[in-house]
């Protein structure tokens, strides 16, 4: 999920889909791609700190990029979207999947 130009419309659609497909609170899997810069990975991890998240990282074959997968229980779709926004606003060059 790369955030499109009309991000508010995108988030509105995501919120509807989340309400339609899960009972809340629910586990949610976030996936992000960043340049393999340890400080960017730490920024993402810090955003999910104290939420009981399980965080896994995996470098690409050539080591240029790192995928960060975060499995965490979220209260509702609004909190899911708030975390997406927090990551994209605070971590330069991040791609949300």
N, C-alpha and C. Protein backbone atom coordinates (compact mmCIF):
# COMPACT_ATOMS: atom_id res chain seq x y z
N UNK A 1 0.84 -1.17 0.00
CA UNK A 1 0.00 0.00 0.00
C UNK A 1 0.89 1.23 0.00
N UNK A 2 1.12 1.75 -1.13
CA UNK A 2 1.85 3.00 -1.22
C UNK A 2 0.81 4.11 -1.18
N UNK A 3 1.02 5.10 -0.38
CA UNK A 3 0.01 6.14 -0.20
C UNK A 3 -0.14 6.94 -1.50
N UNK A 4 -1.32 6.93 -2.09
CA UNK A 4 -1.55 7.65 -3.34
C UNK A 4 -1.67 9.15 -3.12
N UNK A 5 -1.71 9.92 -4.22
CA UNK A 5 -1.80 11.38 -4.09
C UNK A 5 -2.99 11.83 -3.26
N UNK A 6 -4.16 11.20 -3.44
CA UNK A 6 -5.33 11.58 -2.66
C UNK A 6 -5.41 10.68 -1.43
N UNK A 7 -4.52 10.92 -0.46
CA UNK A 7 -4.39 10.02 0.67
C UNK A 7 -5.62 9.97 1.56
N UNK A 8 -6.36 11.07 1.69
CA UNK A 8 -7.55 11.05 2.54
C UNK A 8 -8.59 10.09 1.98
N UNK A 9 -8.76 10.07 0.67
CA UNK A 9 -9.69 9.14 0.04
C UNK A 9 -9.21 7.70 0.24
N UNK A 10 -7.92 7.51 0.11
CA UNK A 10 -7.33 6.19 0.32
C UNK A 10 -7.59 5.70 1.74
N UNK A 11 -7.33 6.55 2.73
CA UNK A 11 -7.52 6.17 4.13
C UNK A 11 -9.00 5.92 4.44
N UNK A 12 -9.88 6.67 3.83
CA UNK A 12 -11.32 6.47 4.03
C UNK A 12 -11.72 5.07 3.53
N UNK A 13 -11.22 4.69 2.36
CA UNK A 13 -11.52 3.37 1.80
C UNK A 13 -10.91 2.26 2.67
N UNK A 14 -9.68 2.47 3.13
CA UNK A 14 -9.03 1.49 3.99
C UNK A 14 -9.84 1.29 5.28
N UNK A 15 -10.30 2.39 5.86
CA UNK A 15 -11.08 2.32 7.10
C UNK A 15 -12.34 1.48 6.89
N UNK A 16 -13.04 1.69 5.77
CA UNK A 16 -14.24 0.91 5.47
C UNK A 16 -13.89 -0.57 5.33
N UNK A 17 -12.80 -0.87 4.62
CA UNK A 17 -12.39 -2.26 4.42
C UNK A 17 -12.04 -2.92 5.75
N UNK A 18 -11.35 -2.19 6.62
CA UNK A 18 -10.97 -2.76 7.91
C UNK A 18 -12.19 -3.07 8.77
N UNK A 19 -13.19 -2.19 8.75
CA UNK A 19 -14.41 -2.45 9.51
C UNK A 19 -15.17 -3.65 8.93
N UNK A 20 -15.09 -3.83 7.61
CA UNK A 20 -15.81 -4.92 6.96
C UNK A 20 -15.15 -6.28 7.15
N UNK A 21 -13.84 -6.30 7.41
CA UNK A 21 -13.12 -7.57 7.38
C UNK A 21 -12.62 -8.07 8.74
N UNK A 22 -12.78 -7.30 9.79
CA UNK A 22 -12.26 -7.75 11.09
C UNK A 22 -13.15 -7.27 12.23
N UNK A 23 -13.07 -8.00 13.34
CA UNK A 23 -13.71 -7.56 14.58
C UNK A 23 -12.64 -6.88 15.40
N UNK A 24 -12.98 -5.77 16.01
CA UNK A 24 -11.97 -4.95 16.72
C UNK A 24 -12.18 -5.03 18.21
N UNK A 25 -11.10 -5.02 19.01
CA UNK A 25 -9.69 -4.94 18.63
C UNK A 25 -9.26 -6.20 17.86
N UNK A 26 -8.23 -6.02 17.03
CA UNK A 26 -7.77 -7.09 16.17
C UNK A 26 -6.27 -6.96 15.92
N UNK A 27 -5.64 -8.11 15.58
CA UNK A 27 -4.24 -8.05 15.18
C UNK A 27 -4.16 -7.47 13.78
N UNK A 28 -3.13 -6.66 13.55
CA UNK A 28 -2.94 -6.05 12.24
C UNK A 28 -1.46 -6.17 11.88
N UNK A 29 -1.21 -6.46 10.61
CA UNK A 29 0.16 -6.59 10.12
C UNK A 29 0.50 -5.39 9.25
N UNK A 30 1.43 -4.58 9.73
CA UNK A 30 1.96 -3.45 8.96
C UNK A 30 3.20 -3.94 8.21
N UNK A 31 3.40 -3.42 6.99
CA UNK A 31 4.63 -3.70 6.25
C UNK A 31 5.13 -2.39 5.67
N UNK A 32 6.41 -2.14 5.90
CA UNK A 32 7.04 -0.94 5.39
C UNK A 32 8.36 -1.32 4.71
N UNK A 33 8.75 -0.54 3.72
CA UNK A 33 10.05 -0.69 3.07
C UNK A 33 10.80 0.64 3.25
N UNK A 34 12.06 0.54 3.69
CA UNK A 34 12.90 1.73 3.84
C UNK A 34 14.30 1.42 3.32
N UNK A 35 15.05 2.47 3.02
CA UNK A 35 16.47 2.28 2.73
C UNK A 35 17.10 1.62 3.95
N UNK A 36 18.09 0.79 3.73
CA UNK A 36 18.72 0.07 4.85
C UNK A 36 19.57 1.01 5.69
N UNK A 37 18.91 1.95 6.32
CA UNK A 37 19.53 2.93 7.20
C UNK A 37 19.04 2.60 8.61
N UNK A 38 19.93 2.15 9.49
CA UNK A 38 19.50 1.75 10.84
C UNK A 38 18.65 2.81 11.56
N UNK A 39 18.93 4.08 11.32
CA UNK A 39 18.16 5.12 12.02
C UNK A 39 16.70 5.14 11.56
N UNK A 40 16.44 4.83 10.29
CA UNK A 40 15.05 4.80 9.80
C UNK A 40 14.30 3.61 10.38
N UNK A 41 14.99 2.49 10.50
CA UNK A 41 14.37 1.30 11.08
C UNK A 41 14.04 1.57 12.55
N UNK A 42 14.95 2.21 13.26
CA UNK A 42 14.72 2.55 14.67
C UNK A 42 13.55 3.52 14.80
N UNK A 43 13.44 4.48 13.87
CA UNK A 43 12.31 5.42 13.91
C UNK A 43 10.98 4.66 13.83
N UNK A 44 10.90 3.71 12.91
CA UNK A 44 9.67 2.93 12.76
C UNK A 44 9.41 2.12 14.03
N UNK A 45 10.44 1.46 14.53
CA UNK A 45 10.28 0.65 15.75
C UNK A 45 9.82 1.52 16.92
N UNK A 46 10.36 2.72 17.03
CA UNK A 46 9.98 3.62 18.13
C UNK A 46 8.50 4.02 18.07
N UNK A 47 7.96 4.15 16.87
CA UNK A 47 6.55 4.53 16.71
C UNK A 47 5.64 3.44 17.28
N UNK A 48 6.09 2.18 17.22
CA UNK A 48 5.29 1.07 17.72
C UNK A 48 5.74 0.59 19.09
N UNK A 49 6.66 1.33 19.71
CA UNK A 49 7.16 0.97 21.03
C UNK A 49 6.02 1.01 22.05
N UNK A 50 6.07 0.13 23.03
CA UNK A 50 5.09 0.05 24.12
C UNK A 50 3.69 -0.40 23.68
N UNK A 51 3.59 -1.01 22.48
CA UNK A 51 2.30 -1.53 22.04
C UNK A 51 2.28 -3.06 22.04
N UNK A 52 3.37 -3.67 22.47
CA UNK A 52 3.45 -5.12 22.45
C UNK A 52 3.61 -5.68 21.05
N UNK A 53 4.16 -4.89 20.16
CA UNK A 53 4.31 -5.29 18.75
C UNK A 53 5.44 -6.29 18.58
N UNK A 54 5.24 -7.21 17.63
CA UNK A 54 6.29 -8.13 17.21
C UNK A 54 6.83 -7.55 15.90
N UNK A 55 8.12 -7.19 15.91
CA UNK A 55 8.72 -6.50 14.76
C UNK A 55 9.80 -7.38 14.16
N UNK A 56 9.70 -7.60 12.84
CA UNK A 56 10.70 -8.37 12.10
C UNK A 56 11.24 -7.52 10.97
N UNK A 57 12.54 -7.62 10.73
CA UNK A 57 13.15 -6.91 9.62
C UNK A 57 13.86 -7.91 8.71
N UNK A 58 13.91 -7.57 7.42
CA UNK A 58 14.59 -8.42 6.46
C UNK A 58 15.20 -7.53 5.38
N UNK A 59 16.51 -7.67 5.21
CA UNK A 59 17.20 -6.89 4.18
C UNK A 59 16.95 -7.50 2.81
N UNK A 60 16.93 -6.64 1.79
CA UNK A 60 16.81 -7.12 0.42
C UNK A 60 18.09 -7.87 0.04
N UNK A 61 18.04 -8.57 -1.06
CA UNK A 61 19.18 -9.39 -1.48
C UNK A 61 20.45 -8.57 -1.61
N UNK A 62 20.34 -7.37 -2.17
CA UNK A 62 21.53 -6.53 -2.34
C UNK A 62 21.81 -5.63 -1.14
N UNK A 63 20.95 -5.68 -0.11
CA UNK A 63 21.17 -4.92 1.11
C UNK A 63 20.81 -3.46 1.04
N UNK A 64 20.23 -3.02 -0.08
CA UNK A 64 19.90 -1.59 -0.24
C UNK A 64 18.64 -1.20 0.54
N UNK A 65 17.69 -2.13 0.64
CA UNK A 65 16.42 -1.86 1.31
C UNK A 65 16.17 -2.87 2.42
N UNK A 66 15.33 -2.47 3.37
CA UNK A 66 14.93 -3.35 4.46
C UNK A 66 13.41 -3.31 4.57
N UNK A 67 12.81 -4.50 4.68
CA UNK A 67 11.37 -4.55 4.94
C UNK A 67 11.19 -4.68 6.46
N UNK A 68 10.22 -3.95 6.97
CA UNK A 68 9.91 -3.97 8.39
C UNK A 68 8.45 -4.43 8.52
N UNK A 69 8.26 -5.59 9.13
CA UNK A 69 6.92 -6.14 9.36
C UNK A 69 6.60 -6.00 10.84
N UNK A 70 5.41 -5.48 11.12
CA UNK A 70 5.01 -5.23 12.51
C UNK A 70 3.65 -5.86 12.73
N UNK A 71 3.59 -6.82 13.64
CA UNK A 71 2.33 -7.46 13.99
C UNK A 71 1.94 -6.95 15.37
N UNK A 72 0.77 -6.31 15.44
CA UNK A 72 0.37 -5.67 16.68
C UNK A 72 -1.16 -5.65 16.79
N UNK A 73 -1.66 -5.75 18.01
CA UNK A 73 -3.10 -5.65 18.23
C UNK A 73 -3.48 -4.17 18.29
N UNK A 74 -4.44 -3.81 17.44
CA UNK A 74 -4.90 -2.42 17.38
C UNK A 74 -6.36 -2.37 17.81
N UNK A 75 -6.77 -1.23 18.38
CA UNK A 75 -8.11 -1.09 18.93
C UNK A 75 -9.20 -1.00 17.86
N UNK A 76 -8.91 -0.26 16.77
CA UNK A 76 -9.92 -0.05 15.73
C UNK A 76 -9.23 0.47 14.47
N UNK A 77 -9.96 0.56 13.35
CA UNK A 77 -9.35 1.05 12.12
C UNK A 77 -8.75 2.45 12.23
N UNK A 78 -9.32 3.30 13.07
CA UNK A 78 -8.78 4.65 13.23
C UNK A 78 -7.35 4.60 13.78
N UNK A 79 -7.10 3.69 14.74
CA UNK A 79 -5.75 3.60 15.30
C UNK A 79 -4.78 3.00 14.29
N UNK A 80 -5.26 2.09 13.44
CA UNK A 80 -4.42 1.53 12.37
C UNK A 80 -3.97 2.66 11.44
N UNK A 81 -4.91 3.47 11.00
CA UNK A 81 -4.62 4.56 10.07
C UNK A 81 -3.74 5.61 10.72
N UNK A 82 -3.97 5.90 12.00
CA UNK A 82 -3.14 6.89 12.70
C UNK A 82 -1.68 6.47 12.70
N UNK A 83 -1.41 5.18 12.87
CA UNK A 83 -0.01 4.70 12.86
C UNK A 83 0.58 4.81 11.46
N UNK A 84 -0.20 4.48 10.41
CA UNK A 84 0.30 4.65 9.05
C UNK A 84 0.71 6.11 8.82
N UNK A 85 -0.16 7.03 9.23
CA UNK A 85 0.11 8.46 9.05
C UNK A 85 1.34 8.88 9.83
N UNK A 86 1.47 8.39 11.07
CA UNK A 86 2.61 8.74 11.90
C UNK A 86 3.92 8.29 11.25
N UNK A 87 3.93 7.08 10.71
CA UNK A 87 5.14 6.57 10.07
C UNK A 87 5.46 7.38 8.81
N UNK A 88 4.47 7.61 7.95
CA UNK A 88 4.75 8.32 6.70
C UNK A 88 5.13 9.78 6.94
N UNK A 89 4.64 10.39 8.02
CA UNK A 89 5.00 11.77 8.32
C UNK A 89 6.37 11.90 8.98
N UNK A 90 6.85 10.84 9.64
CA UNK A 90 8.08 10.95 10.43
C UNK A 90 9.29 10.22 9.86
N UNK A 91 9.07 9.30 8.92
CA UNK A 91 10.17 8.52 8.38
C UNK A 91 10.30 8.85 6.89
N UNK A 92 11.36 9.56 6.56
CA UNK A 92 11.56 10.01 5.19
C UNK A 92 11.79 8.84 4.24
N UNK A 93 11.07 8.84 3.12
CA UNK A 93 11.27 7.84 2.07
C UNK A 93 10.65 6.48 2.35
N UNK A 94 9.82 6.36 3.38
CA UNK A 94 9.21 5.08 3.70
C UNK A 94 8.11 4.74 2.67
N UNK A 95 7.99 3.46 2.37
CA UNK A 95 6.93 2.97 1.50
C UNK A 95 6.05 2.06 2.35
N UNK A 96 4.76 2.32 2.36
CA UNK A 96 3.81 1.49 3.10
C UNK A 96 3.21 0.48 2.15
N UNK A 97 3.15 -0.78 2.59
CA UNK A 97 2.57 -1.82 1.76
C UNK A 97 1.26 -2.30 2.36
